[in-house]
Protein backbone atom coordinates (compact mmCIF):
# COMPACT_ATOMS: atom_id res chain seq x y z
CA MET A 1 0.00 0.00 0.00
CA TYR A 2 2.80 2.40 0.86
CA LYS A 3 5.21 1.18 -1.83
CA PRO A 4 3.82 3.41 -4.66
CA VAL A 5 4.01 6.40 -2.31
CA ARG A 6 7.64 5.67 -1.48
CA ILE A 7 8.45 5.27 -5.18
CA ALA A 8 6.74 8.55 -6.00
CA VAL A 9 8.62 10.36 -3.24
CA GLY A 10 11.87 8.84 -4.46
CA VAL A 11 11.22 9.98 -8.03
CA VAL A 12 10.40 13.52 -6.89
CA GLY A 13 13.53 13.60 -4.75
CA THR A 14 15.65 12.49 -7.70
CA LEU A 15 14.13 15.15 -9.95
CA VAL A 16 14.78 17.86 -7.38
CA MET A 17 18.38 16.73 -7.04
CA LEU A 18 18.85 16.71 -10.83
CA VAL A 19 17.41 20.23 -11.12
CA ALA A 20 19.71 21.44 -8.33
CA LEU A 21 22.75 19.85 -9.97
CA SER A 22 21.78 21.40 -13.31
CA GLY A 23 21.63 24.82 -11.67
CA VAL A 24 25.06 24.33 -10.12
CA ALA A 25 26.48 23.24 -13.50
CA ARG A 26 25.10 26.36 -15.19
CA ALA A 27 26.55 28.57 -12.47
CA ASP A 28 29.94 26.86 -12.78
CA GLU A 29 29.87 27.28 -16.57
CA LYS A 30 29.04 30.98 -16.27
CA SER A 31 31.88 31.45 -13.79
CA THR A 32 34.30 29.65 -16.12
CA VAL A 33 33.25 31.80 -19.07
CA GLU A 34 33.88 34.98 -17.08
CA GLU A 35 37.29 33.72 -15.95
CA ILE A 36 38.22 32.97 -19.56
CA ARG A 37 37.13 36.46 -20.56
CA LYS A 38 39.15 37.96 -17.69
CA GLU A 39 42.31 36.09 -18.70
CA LEU A 40 42.02 37.22 -22.32
CA MET A 41 41.31 40.82 -21.33
CA GLN A 42 44.52 40.88 -19.30
CA LEU A 43 46.71 40.14 -22.31
CA PRO A 44 48.77 43.36 -22.40
CA TYR A 45 49.08 43.76 -26.17
CA TYR A 46 45.60 42.72 -27.31
CA GLY A 47 44.34 45.76 -29.19
CA VAL A 48 42.18 47.32 -31.84
CA PHE A 49 43.94 45.53 -34.72
CA ASP A 50 43.27 42.08 -33.19
CA TYR A 51 39.98 40.32 -32.49
CA LEU A 52 39.35 37.41 -30.15
CA ALA A 53 36.20 35.39 -29.53
CA PHE A 54 35.69 32.11 -27.72
CA LYS A 55 33.20 29.38 -26.93
CA TYR A 56 33.17 27.14 -23.85
CA ASP A 57 31.54 23.72 -23.94
CA LYS A 58 32.02 21.06 -21.26
CA GLY A 59 35.67 21.74 -20.58
CA THR A 60 36.64 22.58 -24.16
CA VAL A 61 37.39 26.15 -25.24
CA THR A 62 37.42 27.11 -28.91
CA LEU A 63 39.35 30.29 -29.68
CA MET A 64 38.69 32.18 -32.91
CA GLY A 65 39.56 35.54 -34.40
CA TYR A 66 42.62 37.34 -35.72
CA ALA A 67 45.99 38.07 -34.13
CA TYR A 68 48.01 41.05 -35.34
CA ALA A 69 50.20 41.37 -32.24
CA LEU A 70 53.18 39.02 -32.30
CA GLY A 71 52.67 36.06 -29.96
CA LEU A 72 49.02 36.87 -29.20
CA LYS A 73 47.68 33.57 -30.57
CA ARG A 74 50.10 31.52 -28.45
CA ASP A 75 49.65 33.61 -25.30
CA ALA A 76 45.85 33.61 -25.60
CA GLU A 77 45.89 29.81 -25.64
CA ARG A 78 48.21 29.70 -22.63
CA ALA A 79 46.04 32.15 -20.71
CA VAL A 80 42.86 30.15 -21.30
CA LYS A 81 44.54 26.90 -20.24
CA ARG A 82 45.14 28.42 -16.80
CA VAL A 83 41.41 28.67 -16.08
CA ALA A 84 39.93 26.06 -13.75
CA GLY A 85 37.42 23.91 -15.63
CA VAL A 86 39.25 24.13 -18.96
CA ASP A 87 40.51 20.74 -20.12
CA GLN A 88 41.23 21.43 -23.78
CA VAL A 89 41.80 24.47 -26.02
CA VAL A 90 41.12 24.40 -29.75
CA ASP A 91 43.03 27.40 -31.09
CA LYS A 92 41.62 28.60 -34.42
CA VAL A 93 42.92 32.16 -34.16
CA GLU A 94 44.41 33.29 -37.48
CA GLU A 95 47.75 35.09 -37.32
CA LEU A 96 47.83 38.03 -39.72
CA PRO A 97 50.86 38.24 -42.02
CA ALA A 98 53.44 40.99 -41.50
CA SER A 99 53.04 43.73 -44.11
CA PRO A 100 54.13 47.40 -44.07
CA MET A 101 51.34 48.22 -46.51
CA ASP A 102 48.75 46.57 -44.26
CA ASP A 103 50.19 48.48 -41.28
CA GLU A 104 49.82 51.80 -43.06
CA LEU A 105 46.24 50.96 -44.01
CA ARG A 106 45.41 49.92 -40.43
CA TRP A 107 46.33 53.28 -39.01
CA LYS A 108 44.60 55.21 -41.78
CA VAL A 109 41.35 53.33 -41.14
CA TYR A 110 41.79 53.74 -37.38
CA TYR A 111 42.08 57.53 -37.64
CA ALA A 112 39.25 57.72 -40.19
CA ILE A 113 36.88 55.97 -37.78
CA TYR A 114 37.95 56.95 -34.29
CA ARG A 115 38.69 60.61 -35.10
CA ASN A 116 35.42 61.07 -36.92
CA PRO A 117 33.15 63.43 -34.89
CA PHE A 118 30.18 61.12 -35.38
CA LEU A 119 32.07 58.04 -34.12
CA SER A 120 34.61 59.55 -31.71
CA ARG A 121 32.56 58.53 -28.65
CA TYR A 122 33.56 54.91 -29.37
CA ALA A 123 37.24 55.73 -28.83
CA PRO A 124 38.79 55.09 -25.39
CA GLY A 125 37.92 58.14 -23.31
CA GLY A 126 35.37 59.21 -25.87
CA GLY A 127 32.50 59.44 -23.41
CA LEU A 128 30.73 56.19 -24.25
CA LEU A 129 30.69 53.81 -21.30
CA TRP A 130 32.18 50.89 -23.16
CA GLY A 131 34.59 53.13 -25.04
CA SER A 132 36.43 54.06 -21.87
CA HIS A 133 36.35 50.61 -20.27
CA ARG A 134 35.24 47.41 -21.99
CA ALA A 135 33.47 47.00 -25.27
CA TYR A 136 32.05 43.65 -24.29
CA GLY A 137 30.97 42.62 -20.85
CA PRO A 138 28.72 39.97 -19.31
CA GLY A 139 25.75 41.27 -21.33
CA PHE A 140 27.31 40.24 -24.64
CA HIS A 141 27.14 36.45 -24.37
CA GLY A 142 27.01 34.49 -27.60
CA LEU A 143 26.43 37.16 -30.24
CA SER A 144 24.22 35.83 -33.00
CA GLY A 145 25.65 37.91 -35.84
CA GLY A 146 29.02 38.76 -37.31
CA LEU A 147 31.70 36.36 -38.48
CA PHE A 148 31.67 34.33 -35.27
CA PRO A 149 28.02 33.69 -34.31
CA GLY A 150 27.48 32.10 -30.91
CA MET A 151 30.96 33.05 -29.72
CA GLU A 152 31.83 35.20 -26.71
CA PRO A 153 33.49 38.43 -27.96
CA VAL A 154 36.38 39.96 -26.04
CA GLY A 155 37.84 43.45 -26.41
CA ASP A 156 38.40 46.99 -25.16
CA TYR A 157 37.46 48.60 -28.46
CA PRO A 158 33.89 48.52 -29.80
CA ILE A 159 35.21 48.60 -33.37
CA HIS A 160 38.11 46.30 -34.22
CA ILE A 161 39.95 46.84 -37.50
CA ILE A 162 41.31 43.72 -39.17
CA VAL A 163 43.51 44.14 -42.24
CA LYS A 164 44.84 41.28 -44.34
CA ASN A 165 46.38 41.72 -47.78
CA LEU A 166 44.90 45.25 -48.00
CA ARG A 167 41.38 43.98 -47.29
CA VAL A 168 39.62 45.50 -44.28
CA THR A 169 37.14 43.79 -41.98
CA LEU A 170 35.31 45.71 -39.24
CA LEU A 171 34.35 43.58 -36.24
CA GLY A 172 32.64 44.53 -33.00
CA VAL A 173 29.49 46.27 -31.79
CA VAL A 174 27.90 49.69 -32.30
CA ASP A 175 24.81 51.42 -30.91
CA ASN A 176 22.75 51.68 -34.05
CA GLU A 177 22.57 51.08 -37.79
CA SER A 178 23.64 54.65 -38.59
CA ASP A 179 26.92 54.19 -36.71
CA LYS A 180 27.56 50.93 -38.55
CA THR A 181 26.91 52.62 -41.89
CA VAL A 182 29.16 55.60 -41.13
CA ALA A 183 32.00 53.34 -39.91
CA GLY A 184 31.81 51.35 -43.13
CA MET A 185 31.75 54.50 -45.26
CA LYS A 186 34.76 56.01 -43.47
CA ALA A 187 36.73 52.79 -43.92
CA ARG A 188 35.84 52.66 -47.62
CA ASP A 189 36.94 56.29 -48.08
CA VAL A 190 40.49 55.38 -47.06
CA PRO A 191 42.63 55.00 -50.20
CA GLY A 192 44.66 51.84 -50.71
CA SER A 193 42.22 49.15 -49.58
CA LEU A 194 40.98 46.40 -51.86
CA GLY A 195 37.66 46.15 -50.10
CA VAL A 196 35.83 46.59 -46.78
CA ASP A 197 33.70 43.92 -45.11
CA ASN A 198 31.51 45.59 -42.48
CA GLN A 199 30.69 42.88 -39.91
CA LEU A 200 29.80 45.26 -37.06
CA ILE A 201 26.85 44.12 -34.95
CA VAL A 202 24.14 46.60 -33.95
CA VAL A 203 23.48 46.25 -30.22
CA SER A 204 19.77 47.08 -30.41
CA GLU A 205 19.19 44.41 -33.05
CA GLU A 206 21.25 41.86 -31.10
CA LYS A 207 19.21 42.43 -27.94
CA SER A 208 15.90 42.20 -29.80
CA THR A 209 16.78 38.74 -31.13
CA LYS A 210 17.24 37.47 -27.56
CA ARG A 211 13.91 38.61 -26.14
């Protein structure tokens, strides 16, 4: 008579325990993701001409993006390996080739964008909250757009400028579609490039897709 009751209570107890364990796992995963982000943000020479993004899944971290700074790819992998909960790192970061012509184009595009009166608030110290601190924080988990959908973006600059073989790619986040359009136009106005790929993500659109 009491056996079905005991079975039912046991099943409920097991379900409660599984739900609790699931909650703990999610909390641990979130903590690990933030520690990975922290380690990457502390790389001293990660800048506007690089771009890093990552994904964490059950102990495995996948790193993607572009490394302009010498040694950034290697040091990013080493930094992530130090995080508790990381068992394996798959490093898919592309190292950009050394090129004086690419270097000249990088700085021309940088000045064209960050010194533009319409976009200057995105520059460090420009008045925009993320421009003076961090472009991507805990609110930017798993962006759905751009070249690396579902990845966690990392960076101090909202607009990262990637140049390879005189081709420019803009990566990062901006407030609105107008800012994205202006950034693309300013990059295209710079002489010497063979093309501009505007992959900037509009924050308002990104947030609306997650409601």
